[in-house]
Amino acid sequence: METILITGAGPNGVTGRLIKEFFKSDYNLITPSSKELDLTNDDVVSQFFSGNQIDYVIHCATFRPHSADSSHLVDEELESNLRMYYSLASQSHHYKKMIYFGSGAEYDKSKPIVRVDEDDFGRSIPKNKYGLGKYIMNENARKSDNIYNFRLFGTINKYERPNKNVISNLCAKAVFGIPLTLRQDCLFSFIDISDVLPILKAAMTANLAYHDYNLVSDEPYYLSDIASIIQNLSNSQEGVTFSKEGFNLEYTASNKRLKSEMSPEFTSMRDSVKDVFNYIKNIKDKIDIAEIDNRWK
């Protein structure tokens, strides 16, 4: 049985935890915590690979600052994420393939991102440091022999925390009977995380033609449309309200490259949102209302 190293699969690693559950029957899995394997220390990572047989790497670990108002934490975000990536990339001779999750922010979120495809990468350098870090990683992956960027724009995942994810936040507000309020409407490309898992599985052994792929479903959705779905699920009579008129910068992508090599299946938006809503409803007693009420207002 081959071995996969999955980073970011600890109790707080939402995506990594799901990947761990999905692959556990088919592969031997190594899922160290950040305390067990400091990915920002390239000497520690080098020693780890020397002592373990690793066939594949799925890199989900990421550093995000707890306070966006603290400039030194934003600097730490850029450095830590780059160090983690490059410490793993430096060991590419030890494994067959590494897949990591990039971000639509690589296309520069200071401007509208409209149905971009992979060939649009590089036309604008990201202004924020998170996007810049992902941009640098993709530049490296494209030059590599065996590193692949699976680029996410928006994910739908019932395990996402309501104070971190806009769809989970709206579902939590609906469950608690709180008005559905958002800062501004926006057109997004999403993908259900459950649809990402079989794509990952196929990519493990596929002879991939490129080193970066946009992972989005076929059609983008306005946040207002998603809010309407949540209203119907909760039987709420209140409409969604926006604190700012008009639309925020579009954030959408094309999945043509992905579909040219694989045959992905996409869950409908209603079914995806329903799954999140029902999960939030079942764990209502564990949610702190104070953490969700003021988010995205």
C-alpha atoms as a PDB file:
ATOM      1  CA  MET A   1       0.000   0.000   0.000  1.00  0.00           C
ATOM      2  CA  GLU A   2       1.389   3.392  -1.010  1.00  0.00           C
ATOM      3  CA  THR A   3       1.783   6.224   1.482  1.00  0.00           C
ATOM      4  CA  ILE A   4       0.385   9.750   1.383  1.00  0.00           C
ATOM      5  CA  LEU A   5       1.614  12.556   3.589  1.00  0.00           C
ATOM      6  CA  ILE A   6      -1.340  14.877   4.254  1.00  0.00           C
ATOM      7  CA  THR A   7      -0.537  18.203   5.867  1.00  0.00           C
ATOM      8  CA  GLY A   8      -3.199  20.202   7.676  1.00  0.00           C
ATOM      9  CA  ALA A   9      -5.230  17.106   8.586  1.00  0.00           C
ATOM     10  CA  GLY A  10      -5.401  17.788  12.330  1.00  0.00           C
ATOM     11  CA  PRO A  11      -8.583  18.554  14.314  1.00  0.00           C
ATOM     12  CA  ASN A  12      -8.642  22.150  13.049  1.00  0.00           C
ATOM     13  CA  GLY A  13      -7.801  21.279   9.461  1.00  0.00           C
ATOM     14  CA  VAL A  14     -11.191  21.192   7.784  1.00  0.00           C
ATOM     15  CA  THR A  15     -10.171  20.156   4.256  1.00  0.00           C
ATOM     16  CA  GLY A  16      -7.256  17.981   5.343  1.00  0.00           C
ATOM     17  CA  ARG A  17      -9.479  16.076   7.752  1.00  0.00           C
ATOM     18  CA  LEU A  18     -11.970  15.238   4.994  1.00  0.00           C
ATOM     19  CA  ILE A  19      -9.180  14.125   2.665  1.00  0.00           C
ATOM     20  CA  LYS A  20      -7.822  11.908   5.420  1.00  0.00           C
ATOM     21  CA  GLU A  21     -11.206  10.221   5.831  1.00  0.00           C
ATOM     22  CA  PHE A  22     -11.599   9.790   2.070  1.00  0.00           C
ATOM     23  CA  PHE A  23      -8.215   8.135   1.442  1.00  0.00           C
ATOM     24  CA  LYS A  24      -7.839   6.059   4.597  1.00  0.00           C
ATOM     25  CA  SER A  25      -9.021   2.793   2.972  1.00  0.00           C
ATOM     26  CA  ASP A  26      -6.793   3.010  -0.102  1.00  0.00           C
ATOM     27  CA  TYR A  27      -3.502   4.395   1.214  1.00  0.00           C
ATOM     28  CA  ASN A  28      -1.287   4.350   4.227  1.00  0.00           C
ATOM     29  CA  LEU A  29      -1.636   7.864   5.638  1.00  0.00           C
ATOM     30  CA  ILE A  30       0.806  10.018   7.579  1.00  0.00           C
ATOM     31  CA  THR A  31      -0.948  13.062   9.038  1.00  0.00           C
ATOM     32  CA  PRO A  32       1.365  14.853  11.470  1.00  0.00           C
ATOM     33  CA  SER A  33       0.260  17.907  13.413  1.00  0.00           C
ATOM     34  CA  SER A  34       2.239  21.144  13.173  1.00  0.00           C
ATOM     35  CA  LYS A  35       3.850  20.267  16.511  1.00  0.00           C
ATOM     36  CA  GLU A  36       4.902  16.858  15.207  1.00  0.00           C
ATOM     37  CA  LEU A  37       6.262  18.247  11.929  1.00  0.00           C
ATOM     38  CA  ASP A  38       7.192  21.917  11.637  1.00  0.00           C
ATOM     39  CA  LEU A  39       6.783  22.534   7.915  1.00  0.00           C
ATOM     40  CA  THR A  40       8.397  25.958   8.181  1.00  0.00           C
ATOM     41  CA  ASN A  41      11.692  24.341   9.157  1.00  0.00           C
ATOM     42  CA  ASP A  42      13.310  22.871   6.045  1.00  0.00           C
ATOM     43  CA  ASP A  43      15.923  20.934   8.071  1.00  0.00           C
ATOM     44  CA  VAL A  44      13.176  19.192  10.054  1.00  0.00           C
ATOM     45  CA  VAL A  45      11.255  18.423   6.860  1.00  0.00           C
ATOM     46  CA  SER A  46      14.380  17.042   5.184  1.00  0.00           C
ATOM     47  CA  GLN A  47      15.013  14.714   8.127  1.00  0.00           C
ATOM     48  CA  PHE A  48      11.365  13.610   8.036  1.00  0.00           C
ATOM     49  CA  PHE A  49      11.546  12.568   4.383  1.00  0.00           C
ATOM     50  CA  SER A  50      14.851  10.802   4.944  1.00  0.00           C
ATOM     51  CA  GLY A  51      13.211   8.711   7.646  1.00  0.00           C
ATOM     52  CA  ASN A  52       9.901   7.957   5.899  1.00  0.00           C
ATOM     53  CA  GLN A  53       8.880   6.442   2.575  1.00  0.00           C
ATOM     54  CA  ILE A  54       6.435   8.938   1.039  1.00  0.00           C
ATOM     55  CA  ASP A  55       4.793   8.267  -2.317  1.00  0.00           C
ATOM     56  CA  TYR A  56       2.488  11.290  -2.507  1.00  0.00           C
ATOM     57  CA  VAL A  57       1.993  14.588  -0.696  1.00  0.00           C
ATOM     58  CA  ILE A  58      -1.306  16.452  -0.347  1.00  0.00           C
ATOM     59  CA  HIS A  59      -0.477  19.831   1.134  1.00  0.00           C
ATOM     60  CA  CYS A  60      -3.465  21.429   2.901  1.00  0.00           C
ATOM     61  CA  ALA A  61      -1.735  23.199   5.778  1.00  0.00           C
ATOM     62  CA  THR A  62      -1.896  26.976   5.677  1.00  0.00           C
ATOM     63  CA  PHE A  63      -1.137  29.823   8.015  1.00  0.00           C
ATOM     64  CA  ARG A  64      -3.793  32.533   8.338  1.00  0.00           C
ATOM     65  CA  PRO A  65      -3.425  35.447  10.761  1.00  0.00           C
ATOM     66  CA  HIS A  66      -6.065  35.715  13.476  1.00  0.00           C
ATOM     67  CA  SER A  67      -6.105  39.490  13.174  1.00  0.00           C
ATOM     68  CA  ALA A  68      -6.203  41.119   9.763  1.00  0.00           C
ATOM     69  CA  ASP A  69      -5.412  44.448  11.418  1.00  0.00           C
ATOM     70  CA  SER A  70      -1.962  43.331  12.498  1.00  0.00           C
ATOM     71  CA  SER A  71       0.613  43.982   9.766  1.00  0.00           C
ATOM     72  CA  HIS A  72       3.258  41.794  11.337  1.00  0.00           C
ATOM     73  CA  LEU A  73       0.868  38.824  11.243  1.00  0.00           C
ATOM     74  CA  VAL A  74       0.198  39.428   7.552  1.00  0.00           C
ATOM     75  CA  ASP A  75       3.951  39.387   6.959  1.00  0.00           C
ATOM     76  CA  GLU A  76       4.135  36.168   8.952  1.00  0.00           C
ATOM     77  CA  GLU A  77       1.356  34.727   6.795  1.00  0.00           C
ATOM     78  CA  LEU A  78       3.365  35.290   3.613  1.00  0.00           C
ATOM     79  CA  GLU A  79       6.608  33.927   5.026  1.00  0.00           C
ATOM     80  CA  SER A  80       5.115  30.909   6.806  1.00  0.00           C
ATOM     81  CA  ASN A  81       3.060  29.750   3.824  1.00  0.00           C
ATOM     82  CA  LEU A  82       6.018  30.097   1.479  1.00  0.00           C
ATOM     83  CA  ARG A  83       8.337  28.288   3.876  1.00  0.00           C
ATOM     84  CA  MET A  84       5.893  25.399   4.222  1.00  0.00           C
ATOM     85  CA  TYR A  85       5.496  25.069   0.475  1.00  0.00           C
ATOM     86  CA  TYR A  86       9.194  25.296  -0.358  1.00  0.00           C
ATOM     87  CA  SER A  87      10.266  22.926   2.398  1.00  0.00           C
ATOM     88  CA  LEU A  88       8.001  20.289   0.822  1.00  0.00           C
ATOM     89  CA  ALA A  89       8.933  21.241  -2.745  1.00  0.00           C
ATOM     90  CA  SER A  90      12.628  20.827  -1.903  1.00  0.00           C
ATOM     91  CA  GLN A  91      11.925  17.141  -1.192  1.00  0.00           C
ATOM     92  CA  SER A  92      10.271  16.470  -4.563  1.00  0.00           C
ATOM     93  CA  HIS A  93      12.879  13.836  -5.377  1.00  0.00           C
ATOM     94  CA  HIS A  94      11.457  11.757  -2.520  1.00  0.00           C
ATOM     95  CA  TYR A  95       7.865  11.491  -3.799  1.00  0.00           C
ATOM     96  CA  LYS A  96       5.995  10.809  -7.024  1.00  0.00           C
ATOM     97  CA  LYS A  97       3.638  13.773  -6.859  1.00  0.00           C
ATOM     98  CA  MET A  98       2.604  16.646  -4.627  1.00  0.00           C
ATOM     99  CA  ILE A  99      -0.768  18.345  -4.900  1.00  0.00           C
ATOM    100  CA  TYR A 100      -1.465  21.542  -3.007  1.00  0.00           C
ATOM    101  CA  PHE A 101      -4.414  23.935  -2.952  1.00  0.00           C
ATOM    102  CA  GLY A 102      -3.895  27.292  -4.559  1.00  0.00           C
ATOM    103  CA  SER A 103      -6.317  30.216  -4.580  1.00  0.00           C
ATOM    104  CA  GLY A 104      -8.167  32.387  -7.050  1.00  0.00           C
ATOM    105  CA  ALA A 105      -6.377  35.230  -5.263  1.00  0.00           C
ATOM    106  CA  GLU A 106      -3.421  34.355  -7.517  1.00  0.00           C
ATOM    107  CA  TYR A 107      -5.215  36.305 -10.263  1.00  0.00           C
ATOM    108  CA  ASP A 108      -5.185  39.515  -8.140  1.00  0.00           C
ATOM    109  CA  LYS A 109      -8.381  40.214  -6.208  1.00  0.00           C
ATOM    110  CA  SER A 110      -7.875  43.981  -6.430  1.00  0.00           C
ATOM    111  CA  LYS A 111      -9.521  43.674  -9.868  1.00  0.00           C
ATOM    112  CA  PRO A 112     -12.560  41.742 -11.145  1.00  0.00           C
ATOM    113  CA  ILE A 113     -11.678  38.094 -11.781  1.00  0.00           C
ATOM    114  CA  VAL A 114     -14.042  37.072 -14.562  1.00  0.00           C
ATOM    115  CA  ARG A 115     -14.225  33.497 -15.853  1.00  0.00           C
ATOM    116  CA  VAL A 116     -10.447  33.306 -15.810  1.00  0.00           C
ATOM    117  CA  ASP A 117      -8.674  30.274 -17.194  1.00  0.00           C
ATOM    118  CA  GLU A 118      -5.201  29.077 -16.341  1.00  0.00           C
ATOM    119  CA  ASP A 119      -3.637  30.972 -19.249  1.00  0.00           C
ATOM    120  CA  ASP A 120      -4.754  34.232 -17.608  1.00  0.00           C
ATOM    121  CA  PHE A 121      -2.356  33.617 -14.725  1.00  0.00           C
ATOM    122  CA  GLY A 122       0.409  36.212 -14.531  1.00  0.00           C
ATOM    123  CA  ARG A 123      -1.431  39.055 -16.243  1.00  0.00           C
ATOM    124  CA  SER A 124      -1.673  40.871 -12.905  1.00  0.00           C
ATOM    125  CA  ILE A 125       0.477  40.373  -9.817  1.00  0.00           C
ATOM    126  CA  PRO A 126      -1.635  40.118  -6.610  1.00  0.00           C
ATOM    127  CA  LYS A 127      -1.588  43.178  -4.380  1.00  0.00           C
ATOM    128  CA  ASN A 128      -2.304  41.336  -1.118  1.00  0.00           C
ATOM    129  CA  LYS A 129       0.274  39.069   0.484  1.00  0.00           C
ATOM    130  CA  TYR A 130      -1.861  35.942   0.648  1.00  0.00           C
ATOM    131  CA  GLY A 131      -2.450  36.085  -3.106  1.00  0.00           C
ATOM    132  CA  LEU A 132       1.206  36.954  -3.720  1.00  0.00           C
ATOM    133  CA  GLY A 133       2.327  33.887  -1.780  1.00  0.00           C
ATOM    134  CA  LYS A 134       0.062  31.617  -3.817  1.00  0.00           C
ATOM    135  CA  TYR A 135       1.252  33.330  -6.994  1.00  0.00           C
ATOM    136  CA  ILE A 136       4.897  32.559  -6.155  1.00  0.00           C
ATOM    137  CA  MET A 137       4.021  28.939  -5.374  1.00  0.00           C
ATOM    138  CA  ASN A 138       2.301  28.507  -8.725  1.00  0.00           C
ATOM    139  CA  GLU A 139       5.295  29.942 -10.558  1.00  0.00           C
ATOM    140  CA  ASN A 140       7.414  27.269  -8.880  1.00  0.00           C
ATOM    141  CA  ALA A 141       4.915  24.455  -9.468  1.00  0.00           C
ATOM    142  CA  ARG A 142       4.761  25.224 -13.189  1.00  0.00           C
ATOM    143  CA  LYS A 143       8.524  24.768 -13.430  1.00  0.00           C
ATOM    144  CA  SER A 144       8.539  21.554 -11.408  1.00  0.00           C
ATOM    145  CA  ASP A 145       8.398  17.957 -12.552  1.00  0.00           C
ATOM    146  CA  ASN A 146       5.814  16.687 -10.094  1.00  0.00           C
ATOM    147  CA  ILE A 147       4.073  19.485  -8.164  1.00  0.00           C
ATOM    148  CA  TYR A 148       0.482  20.424  -9.014  1.00  0.00           C
ATOM    149  CA  ASN A 149      -1.686  23.363  -7.977  1.00  0.00           C
ATOM    150  CA  PHE A 150      -5.394  22.635  -7.547  1.00  0.00           C
ATOM    151  CA  ARG A 151      -6.714  26.176  -7.403  1.00  0.00           C
ATOM    152  CA  LEU A 152      -9.807  26.826  -5.286  1.00  0.00           C
ATOM    153  CA  PHE A 153     -12.003  29.926  -5.467  1.00  0.00           C
ATOM    154  CA  GLY A 154     -14.839  29.219  -3.052  1.00  0.00           C
ATOM    155  CA  THR A 155     -15.581  25.943  -1.266  1.00  0.00           C
ATOM    156  CA  ILE A 156     -18.810  24.625   0.203  1.00  0.00           C
ATOM    157  CA  ASN A 157     -18.056  22.460   3.209  1.00  0.00           C
ATOM    158  CA  LYS A 158     -20.368  21.727   6.124  1.00  0.00           C
ATOM    159  CA  TYR A 159     -17.386  21.585   8.495  1.00  0.00           C
ATOM    160  CA  GLU A 160     -16.319  25.168   7.768  1.00  0.00           C
ATOM    161  CA  ARG A 161     -16.689  27.420  10.804  1.00  0.00           C
ATOM    162  CA  PRO A 162     -19.557  29.965  10.513  1.00  0.00           C
ATOM    163  CA  ASN A 163     -17.215  32.780  11.477  1.00  0.00           C
ATOM    164  CA  LYS A 164     -14.833  31.853   8.637  1.00  0.00           C
ATOM    165  CA  ASN A 165     -17.045  30.882   5.693  1.00  0.00           C
ATOM    166  CA  VAL A 166     -19.826  33.018   4.190  1.00  0.00           C
ATOM    167  CA  ILE A 167     -22.194  30.141   3.313  1.00  0.00           C
ATOM    168  CA  SER A 168     -21.821  28.530   6.728  1.00  0.00           C
ATOM    169  CA  ASN A 169     -22.354  31.970   8.257  1.00  0.00           C
ATOM    170  CA  LEU A 170     -25.598  32.549   6.365  1.00  0.00           C
ATOM    171  CA  CYS A 171     -26.834  29.069   7.297  1.00  0.00           C
ATOM    172  CA  ALA A 172     -26.054  29.702  10.962  1.00  0.00           C
ATOM    173  CA  LYS A 173     -27.872  33.035  10.893  1.00  0.00           C
ATOM    174  CA  ALA A 174     -30.910  31.365   9.363  1.00  0.00           C
ATOM    175  CA  VAL A 175     -30.865  28.578  11.960  1.00  0.00           C
ATOM    176  CA  PHE A 176     -30.756  31.132  14.794  1.00  0.00           C
ATOM    177  CA  GLY A 177     -33.378  33.359  13.187  1.00  0.00           C
ATOM    178  CA  ILE A 178     -30.895  36.194  12.677  1.00  0.00           C
ATOM    179  CA  PRO A 179     -31.510  38.415   9.617  1.00  0.00           C
ATOM    180  CA  LEU A 180     -29.400  37.417   6.626  1.00  0.00           C
ATOM    181  CA  THR A 181     -27.103  40.379   6.228  1.00  0.00           C
ATOM    182  CA  LEU A 182     -24.135  40.735   3.906  1.00  0.00           C
ATOM    183  CA  ARG A 183     -21.729  43.523   3.116  1.00  0.00           C
ATOM    184  CA  GLN A 184     -22.293  43.398  -0.660  1.00  0.00           C
ATOM    185  CA  ASP A 185     -23.545  41.024  -3.309  1.00  0.00           C
ATOM    186  CA  CYS A 186     -20.965  39.248  -5.445  1.00  0.00           C
ATOM    187  CA  LEU A 187     -20.750  36.631  -8.190  1.00  0.00           C
ATOM    188  CA  PHE A 188     -18.581  33.683  -7.078  1.00  0.00           C
ATOM    189  CA  SER A 189     -17.319  30.394  -8.450  1.00  0.00           C
ATOM    190  CA  PHE A 190     -17.748  27.625  -5.885  1.00  0.00           C
ATOM    191  CA  ILE A 191     -17.129  23.910  -5.614  1.00  0.00           C
ATOM    192  CA  ASP A 192     -18.479  21.451  -3.076  1.00  0.00           C
ATOM    193  CA  ILE A 193     -15.539  19.966  -1.183  1.00  0.00           C
ATOM    194  CA  SER A 194     -17.079  16.516  -1.611  1.00  0.00           C
ATOM    195  CA  ASP A 195     -16.659  16.979  -5.383  1.00  0.00           C
ATOM    196  CA  VAL A 196     -12.970  17.799  -4.914  1.00  0.00           C
ATOM    197  CA  LEU A 197     -12.210  14.446  -3.263  1.00  0.00           C
ATOM    198  CA  PRO A 198     -12.765  12.171  -6.320  1.00  0.00           C
ATOM    199  CA  ILE A 199     -10.849  14.685  -8.452  1.00  0.00           C
ATOM    200  CA  LEU A 200      -7.930  14.322  -6.040  1.00  0.00           C
ATOM    201  CA  LYS A 201      -8.160  10.553  -6.194  1.00  0.00           C
ATOM    202  CA  ALA A 202      -8.088  10.510  -9.995  1.00  0.00           C
ATOM    203  CA  ALA A 203      -5.197  12.974 -10.059  1.00  0.00           C
ATOM    204  CA  MET A 204      -3.035  10.763  -7.864  1.00  0.00           C
ATOM    205  CA  THR A 205      -2.346   8.304 -10.633  1.00  0.00           C
ATOM    206  CA  ALA A 206      -3.272  10.338 -13.735  1.00  0.00           C
ATOM    207  CA  ASN A 207      -0.658  11.624 -16.134  1.00  0.00           C
ATOM    208  CA  LEU A 208      -1.549  15.294 -15.693  1.00  0.00           C
ATOM    209  CA  ALA A 209      -0.777  17.496 -18.677  1.00  0.00           C
ATOM    210  CA  TYR A 210      -0.465  20.737 -16.703  1.00  0.00           C
ATOM    211  CA  HIS A 211       0.693  21.861 -13.294  1.00  0.00           C
ATOM    212  CA  ASP A 212      -2.269  24.053 -12.334  1.00  0.00           C
ATOM    213  CA  TYR A 213      -6.027  23.556 -12.575  1.00  0.00           C
ATOM    214  CA  ASN A 214      -8.991  25.712 -11.577  1.00  0.00           C
ATOM    215  CA  LEU A 215     -11.314  23.683  -9.371  1.00  0.00           C
ATOM    216  CA  VAL A 216     -14.751  25.251  -9.776  1.00  0.00           C
ATOM    217  CA  SER A 217     -18.184  23.932 -10.729  1.00  0.00           C
ATOM    218  CA  ASP A 218     -19.789  24.784 -14.053  1.00  0.00           C
ATOM    219  CA  GLU A 219     -21.818  27.838 -13.042  1.00  0.00           C
ATOM    220  CA  PRO A 220     -21.060  30.762 -10.703  1.00  0.00           C
ATOM    221  CA  TYR A 221     -23.630  31.992  -8.173  1.00  0.00           C
ATOM    222  CA  TYR A 222     -24.522  35.327  -6.662  1.00  0.00           C
ATOM    223  CA  LEU A 223     -24.438  35.396  -2.861  1.00  0.00           C
ATOM    224  CA  SER A 224     -28.015  36.702  -3.010  1.00  0.00           C
ATOM    225  CA  ASP A 225     -29.088  33.541  -4.879  1.00  0.00           C
ATOM    226  CA  ILE A 226     -27.426  31.353  -2.264  1.00  0.00           C
ATOM    227  CA  ALA A 227     -29.127  33.360   0.484  1.00  0.00           C
ATOM    228  CA  SER A 228     -32.481  32.731  -1.227  1.00  0.00           C
ATOM    229  CA  ILE A 229     -31.818  28.986  -1.149  1.00  0.00           C
ATOM    230  CA  ILE A 230     -31.099  29.248   2.583  1.00  0.00           C
ATOM    231  CA  GLN A 231     -34.277  31.261   3.113  1.00  0.00           C
ATOM    232  CA  ASN A 232     -36.329  28.518   1.500  1.00  0.00           C
ATOM    233  CA  LEU A 233     -34.629  25.824   3.582  1.00  0.00           C
ATOM    234  CA  SER A 234     -35.342  27.724   6.809  1.00  0.00           C
ATOM    235  CA  ASN A 235     -38.856  28.843   5.809  1.00  0.00           C
ATOM    236  CA  SER A 236     -37.804  32.395   6.597  1.00  0.00           C
ATOM    237  CA  GLN A 237     -39.875  35.294   5.310  1.00  0.00           C
ATOM    238  CA  GLU A 238     -37.055  37.816   5.712  1.00  0.00           C
ATOM    239  CA  GLY A 239     -35.090  38.825   2.644  1.00  0.00           C
ATOM    240  CA  VAL A 240     -31.337  39.158   2.534  1.00  0.00           C
ATOM    241  CA  THR A 241     -30.073  42.700   3.065  1.00  0.00           C
ATOM    242  CA  PHE A 242     -26.830  44.277   1.893  1.00  0.00           C
ATOM    243  CA  SER A 243     -25.111  47.131   3.688  1.00  0.00           C
ATOM    244  CA  LYS A 244     -23.651  48.386   0.394  1.00  0.00           C
ATOM    245  CA  GLU A 245     -25.447  48.707  -2.932  1.00  0.00           C
ATOM    246  CA  GLY A 246     -24.216  47.228  -6.181  1.00  0.00           C
ATOM    247  CA  PHE A 247     -21.835  44.343  -6.623  1.00  0.00           C
ATOM    248  CA  ASN A 248     -18.414  43.574  -5.272  1.00  0.00           C
ATOM    249  CA  LEU A 249     -15.655  42.520  -7.681  1.00  0.00           C
ATOM    250  CA  GLU A 250     -16.533  39.323  -9.526  1.00  0.00           C
ATOM    251  CA  TYR A 251     -14.577  36.204  -8.556  1.00  0.00           C
ATOM    252  CA  THR A 252     -15.219  33.490 -11.155  1.00  0.00           C
ATOM    253  CA  ALA A 253     -13.227  30.976 -13.154  1.00  0.00           C
ATOM    254  CA  SER A 254     -13.408  28.488 -16.001  1.00  0.00           C
ATOM    255  CA  ASN A 255     -13.005  24.737 -15.419  1.00  0.00           C
ATOM    256  CA  LYS A 256     -12.374  23.817 -19.079  1.00  0.00           C
ATOM    257  CA  ARG A 257      -8.841  22.575 -18.432  1.00  0.00           C
ATOM    258  CA  LEU A 258     -10.017  20.305 -15.621  1.00  0.00           C
ATOM    259  CA  LYS A 259     -12.855  18.893 -17.711  1.00  0.00           C
ATOM    260  CA  SER A 260     -10.559  18.294 -20.683  1.00  0.00           C
ATOM    261  CA  GLU A 261      -8.632  15.714 -18.628  1.00  0.00           C
ATOM    262  CA  MET A 262     -11.172  14.382 -16.141  1.00  0.00           C
ATOM    263  CA  SER A 263     -14.918  13.838 -15.881  1.00  0.00           C
ATOM    264  CA  PRO A 264     -15.814  15.636 -12.652  1.00  0.00           C
ATOM    265  CA  GLU A 265     -19.326  15.515 -11.265  1.00  0.00           C
ATOM    266  CA  PHE A 266     -20.680  18.559  -9.464  1.00  0.00           C
ATOM    267  CA  THR A 267     -23.255  18.641  -6.708  1.00  0.00           C
ATOM    268  CA  SER A 268     -26.094  21.105  -7.286  1.00  0.00           C
ATOM    269  CA  MET A 269     -25.888  24.333  -5.314  1.00  0.00           C
ATOM    270  CA  ARG A 270     -29.161  23.582  -3.559  1.00  0.00           C
ATOM    271  CA  ASP A 271     -27.967  20.141  -2.408  1.00  0.00           C
ATOM    272  CA  SER A 272     -24.621  21.540  -1.279  1.00  0.00           C
ATOM    273  CA  VAL A 273     -26.220  24.355   0.721  1.00  0.00           C
ATOM    274  CA  LYS A 274     -28.829  21.999   2.160  1.00  0.00           C
ATOM    275  CA  ASP A 275     -26.059  19.760   3.479  1.00  0.00           C
ATOM    276  CA  VAL A 276     -24.419  22.731   5.225  1.00  0.00           C
ATOM    277  CA  PHE A 277     -27.744  24.007   6.588  1.00  0.00           C
ATOM    278  CA  ASN A 278     -28.742  20.632   8.054  1.00  0.00           C
ATOM    279  CA  TYR A 279     -25.329  20.166   9.641  1.00  0.00           C
ATOM    280  CA  ILE A 280     -25.425  23.627  11.229  1.00  0.00           C
ATOM    281  CA  LYS A 281     -28.940  22.910  12.478  1.00  0.00           C
ATOM    282  CA  ASN A 282     -27.760  19.690  14.140  1.00  0.00           C
ATOM    283  CA  ILE A 283     -24.847  21.384  15.936  1.00  0.00           C
ATOM    284  CA  LYS A 284     -26.728  24.567  16.842  1.00  0.00           C
ATOM    285  CA  ASP A 285     -25.997  24.170  20.559  1.00  0.00           C
ATOM    286  CA  LYS A 286     -22.243  24.247  19.901  1.00  0.00           C
ATOM    287  CA  ILE A 287     -22.242  27.547  17.986  1.00  0.00           C
ATOM    288  CA  ASP A 288     -21.464  30.887  19.616  1.00  0.00           C
ATOM    289  CA  ILE A 289     -23.992  33.391  18.243  1.00  0.00           C
ATOM    290  CA  ALA A 290     -21.640  36.296  18.970  1.00  0.00           C
ATOM    291  CA  GLU A 291     -19.121  34.896  16.474  1.00  0.00           C
ATOM    292  CA  ILE A 292     -21.564  34.885  13.577  1.00  0.00           C
ATOM    293  CA  ASP A 293     -23.881  37.866  14.007  1.00  0.00           C
ATOM    294  CA  ASN A 294     -21.480  40.590  12.904  1.00  0.00           C
ATOM    295  CA  ARG A 295     -19.631  38.688  10.195  1.00  0.00           C
ATOM    296  CA  TRP A 296     -19.931  39.940   6.589  1.00  0.00           C
ATOM    297  CA  LYS A 297     -22.126  42.877   7.568  1.00  0.00           C
END
